[in-house]
Protein backbone atom coordinates (compact mmCIF):
# COMPACT_ATOMS: atom_id res chain seq x y z
CA MET A 1 80.61 148.34 86.26
CA GLN A 2 83.31 150.64 87.86
CA CYS A 3 83.80 150.35 91.41
CA PRO A 4 83.32 153.78 93.35
CA GLN A 5 86.67 155.36 94.75
CA THR A 6 87.00 154.57 98.18
CA ASP A 7 88.95 155.52 101.20
CA PRO A 8 91.95 152.97 101.61
CA THR A 9 92.60 153.36 105.24
CA GLY A 10 88.73 153.13 105.72
CA PRO A 11 86.53 150.25 106.15
CA ALA A 12 85.39 148.68 102.64
CA PRO A 13 82.10 149.39 101.49
CA THR A 14 79.65 146.90 100.53
CA ILE A 15 78.14 147.95 97.04
CA GLY A 16 76.18 144.77 96.35
CA VAL A 17 74.71 141.76 98.79
CA GLY A 18 73.00 138.57 96.85
CA ARG A 19 70.73 136.10 98.40
CA ASP A 20 71.03 134.37 101.47
CA ILE A 21 72.08 130.79 100.59
CA PRO A 22 71.37 127.70 102.75
CA GLY A 23 74.33 126.43 105.03
CA ARG A 24 74.86 129.95 106.26
CA VAL A 25 76.62 130.80 102.85
CA ARG A 26 75.71 134.43 101.70
CA LEU A 27 77.28 135.83 98.33
CA ALA A 28 78.13 139.28 98.24
CA VAL A 29 80.12 141.75 96.12
CA LYS A 30 82.50 144.11 97.89
CA ALA A 31 84.78 146.68 97.00
CA ASP A 32 87.55 146.20 99.37
CA ARG A 33 90.54 148.60 98.18
CA GLY A 34 89.57 148.44 94.61
CA THR A 35 89.15 144.86 94.24
CA VAL A 36 85.68 143.07 93.89
CA GLY A 37 85.16 139.59 95.40
CA VAL A 38 82.78 136.68 96.82
CA VAL A 39 82.30 137.00 100.46
CA THR A 40 80.94 134.00 102.30
CA ASP A 41 79.48 134.22 105.52
CA LEU A 42 79.52 130.95 107.97
CA HIS A 43 77.21 132.34 110.69
CA SER A 44 75.36 135.70 110.33
CA PRO A 45 72.79 136.06 109.24
CA THR A 46 70.76 133.25 109.41
CA TYR A 47 68.79 131.42 106.81
CA ILE A 48 65.22 131.51 107.69
CA PRO A 49 63.36 129.33 104.82
CA VAL A 50 60.23 129.84 103.62
CA GLU A 51 58.78 126.82 105.35
CA VAL A 52 58.73 128.05 108.45
CA CYS A 53 55.41 130.02 107.32
CA SER A 54 53.82 126.36 107.44
CA ALA A 55 54.19 126.49 111.34
CA VAL A 56 52.00 129.36 111.49
CA GLY A 57 49.64 128.18 108.80
CA LEU A 58 50.86 131.05 106.55
CA ALA A 59 51.03 130.90 102.91
CA PHE A 60 54.65 130.67 101.34
CA SER A 61 54.06 133.77 99.59
CA THR A 62 54.11 135.63 102.89
CA PRO A 63 57.15 137.50 103.53
CA VAL A 64 59.71 135.32 105.68
CA ASP A 65 60.21 137.92 108.70
CA GLU A 66 56.32 138.30 109.05
CA CYS A 67 56.24 134.45 109.58
CA MET A 68 59.09 134.18 111.75
CA GLY A 69 57.75 137.24 113.88
CA THR A 70 54.31 134.83 114.21
CA VAL A 71 56.36 131.84 115.08
CA LEU A 72 57.98 134.00 118.06
CA ALA A 73 54.52 135.51 119.16
CA ASP A 74 52.88 131.95 119.31
CA VAL A 75 56.44 130.74 121.32
CA ALA A 76 56.52 133.73 123.47
CA VAL A 77 52.73 132.63 124.66
CA ASP A 78 53.10 128.78 125.29
CA GLY A 79 56.36 127.91 123.96
CA VAL A 80 54.87 126.22 120.99
CA ALA A 81 54.48 127.07 117.29
CA ALA A 82 52.78 124.67 115.77
CA PRO A 83 49.89 123.45 113.30
CA PRO A 84 46.82 123.01 115.64
CA ALA A 85 46.46 119.38 115.60
CA ASP A 86 50.06 119.64 117.52
CA VAL A 87 49.73 122.18 119.70
CA GLY A 88 47.86 120.80 122.77
CA GLY A 89 50.44 117.46 123.01
CA LEU A 90 53.21 119.77 122.48
CA GLN A 91 51.82 122.17 125.23
CA GLN A 92 52.03 119.15 127.58
CA VAL A 93 55.67 117.87 126.92
CA VAL A 94 56.86 121.61 127.55
CA ALA A 95 54.98 121.45 130.68
CA GLY A 96 56.46 118.14 131.06
CA ALA A 97 59.90 119.90 130.50
CA ARG A 98 59.67 122.35 132.69
CA GLU A 99 58.90 120.05 135.67
CA ARG A 100 62.30 118.36 134.75
CA GLY A 101 64.12 122.11 135.08
CA ILE A 102 64.02 122.46 130.92
CA ASP A 103 62.68 125.74 129.36
CA LEU A 104 61.59 123.82 126.13
CA LYS A 105 60.36 125.66 123.23
CA VAL A 106 59.33 123.84 120.02
CA VAL A 107 58.67 124.49 116.59
CA VAL A 108 56.91 122.40 114.05
CA MET A 109 57.09 123.28 110.43
CA GLN A 110 55.01 121.30 107.90
CA GLU A 111 57.21 121.18 105.12
CA SER A 112 60.64 120.65 105.11
CA PRO A 113 63.78 123.03 103.06
CA LEU A 114 66.26 121.16 101.14
CA LEU A 115 68.95 120.81 103.75
CA ASP A 116 68.25 120.37 107.67
CA THR A 117 70.39 123.79 108.48
CA PRO A 118 68.10 126.41 108.22
CA LEU A 119 65.70 124.55 111.13
CA ARG A 120 69.19 125.33 113.52
CA ASP A 121 69.14 129.01 112.43
CA VAL A 122 65.35 128.99 113.24
CA ALA A 123 66.14 127.48 116.82
CA THR A 124 68.82 129.99 117.26
CA GLN A 125 66.47 132.87 116.41
CA VAL A 126 63.63 131.29 118.88
CA GLY A 127 66.57 130.76 121.74
CA GLN A 128 68.27 134.14 121.32
CA ALA A 129 64.56 135.77 121.92
CA HIS A 130 64.25 133.44 124.96
CA PRO A 131 67.59 133.50 127.03
CA GLY A 132 68.24 130.01 128.79
CA SER A 133 65.75 128.20 126.71
CA THR A 134 66.68 124.77 124.50
CA VAL A 135 64.43 125.08 121.50
CA LEU A 136 63.62 122.12 119.21
CA VAL A 137 62.39 122.63 115.43
CA VAL A 138 61.44 119.80 113.58
CA SER A 139 59.78 119.31 110.06
CA PRO A 140 59.34 115.96 107.86
CA GLY A 141 62.34 114.24 108.20
CA TRP A 142 64.63 117.07 109.51
CA ALA A 143 65.20 118.38 113.08
CA GLY A 144 67.30 121.28 114.18
CA THR A 145 68.29 122.63 118.24
CA TYR A 146 69.66 125.55 119.79
CA SER A 147 70.52 125.70 123.57
CA THR A 148 73.09 127.25 125.91
CA THR A 149 72.35 124.47 128.47
CA TYR A 150 73.35 121.55 126.75
CA ASP A 151 76.09 120.59 124.28
CA ARG A 152 76.24 119.80 120.77
CA VAL A 153 76.80 116.50 121.17
CA ILE A 154 73.61 115.78 123.43
CA LEU A 155 71.74 118.32 121.47
CA GLU A 156 72.32 115.98 118.25
CA ALA A 157 71.71 113.24 119.92
CA GLY A 158 68.22 114.20 121.11
CA GLN A 159 67.56 115.35 117.48
CA ASP A 160 68.14 111.61 115.82
CA VAL A 161 65.34 110.79 118.15
CA ALA A 162 63.19 113.29 117.60
CA LYS A 163 63.49 113.77 113.68
CA THR A 164 62.72 109.80 113.33
CA ALA A 165 59.49 109.59 116.02
CA PRO A 166 56.00 109.19 113.98
CA ASN A 167 54.81 112.55 115.01
CA PRO A 168 55.83 115.72 116.18
CA VAL A 169 54.49 115.33 119.82
CA GLN A 170 56.19 112.09 120.20
CA GLY A 171 59.51 113.12 118.45
CA ALA A 172 59.54 116.53 121.63
CA GLN A 173 58.76 113.34 124.00
CA ASN A 174 61.86 111.63 122.85
CA PHE A 175 64.02 114.76 122.63
CA VAL A 176 63.21 115.62 126.42
CA ASP A 177 63.90 112.00 127.48
CA GLN A 178 67.19 111.85 125.66
CA LEU A 179 67.91 115.36 127.37
CA ASN A 180 67.51 113.94 130.45
CA THR A 181 69.62 110.42 129.78
CA PRO A 182 72.88 110.39 131.55
CA ASP A 183 75.68 110.50 129.77
CA PHE A 184 77.61 107.40 129.72
CA PRO A 185 81.10 108.35 131.35
CA TRP A 186 83.79 107.74 128.72
CA ILE A 187 86.65 109.38 130.71
CA ALA A 188 86.28 107.06 133.64
CA PHE A 189 85.89 104.40 131.17
CA THR A 190 88.97 105.13 129.43
CA ILE A 191 91.14 105.50 132.71
CA LEU A 192 89.86 101.81 133.78
CA LEU A 193 90.61 100.67 130.25
CA VAL A 194 94.28 102.04 130.56
CA ILE A 195 94.45 101.01 134.10
CA GLY A 196 93.62 97.06 132.70
CA VAL A 197 95.86 97.21 129.65
CA SER A 198 98.62 98.28 131.86
CA GLY A 199 97.68 95.79 134.75
CA ALA A 200 97.58 93.09 131.95
CA ALA A 201 100.81 94.30 130.13
CA VAL A 202 102.47 93.79 133.56
CA ALA A 203 101.23 90.75 134.56
CA THR A 204 102.11 89.10 131.01
CA ARG A 205 106.36 90.36 131.36
CA LEU A 206 105.84 88.64 135.07
CA LEU A 207 104.60 85.42 133.94
CA GLN A 208 107.30 85.57 131.00
CA SER A 209 110.07 86.24 133.44
CA TRP A 210 108.57 83.30 135.98
CA ALA A 211 108.23 80.88 132.55
CA LYS A 212 111.97 81.67 131.79
CA ARG A 213 113.43 81.35 135.32
CA SER A 214 111.59 77.98 135.88
CA ALA A 215 112.66 77.05 132.38
CA ARG A 216 116.60 77.28 133.39
CA VAL A 217 115.76 75.93 136.85
CA LYS A 218 114.99 72.35 135.29
CA THR A 219 118.20 72.60 132.78
């Protein structure tokens, strides 16, 4: 296949785009001043897995955009997109989180993709539709999150306790509890540790000097 002639001073046009790959990797063939290559997109577009359809009871044959649109519509109503058996309990968790100052959104997928990365992409789309919210997406064995309020360390700690819970409702509650767990004061601890080590070193040096002087006096 021959590449079309392009203006060397203009932007490189895309002449063919491959499918999205889990993990935010997108394959594309581009004409860049007469060259053809592979482009890796590290973040955009996000990869929304077909398993998101299981959160709203749609078949995997349903277009993913339609499934994601239904998820967003459900979340807009009560903050929850999940199988009917989990909705009531999750609504209570969302209400409890709101009382603690957390705008929580929860998506529960009954099926899991091969990787956990797409769950974070789903959470990102929900979070971008609801600025200021904190989003938890769970599936069997996986969890993904999005928030502009909490840092990634706190979110990943919350993911760990969410995905190991016996059911999505307990997982969501564990997540909220983790968000409200005070961070260990590592900076203060480090400062105190440095002061303590320095003090011990000075004390050791003084004791050594005292021991040497005592030895000279005795001789």
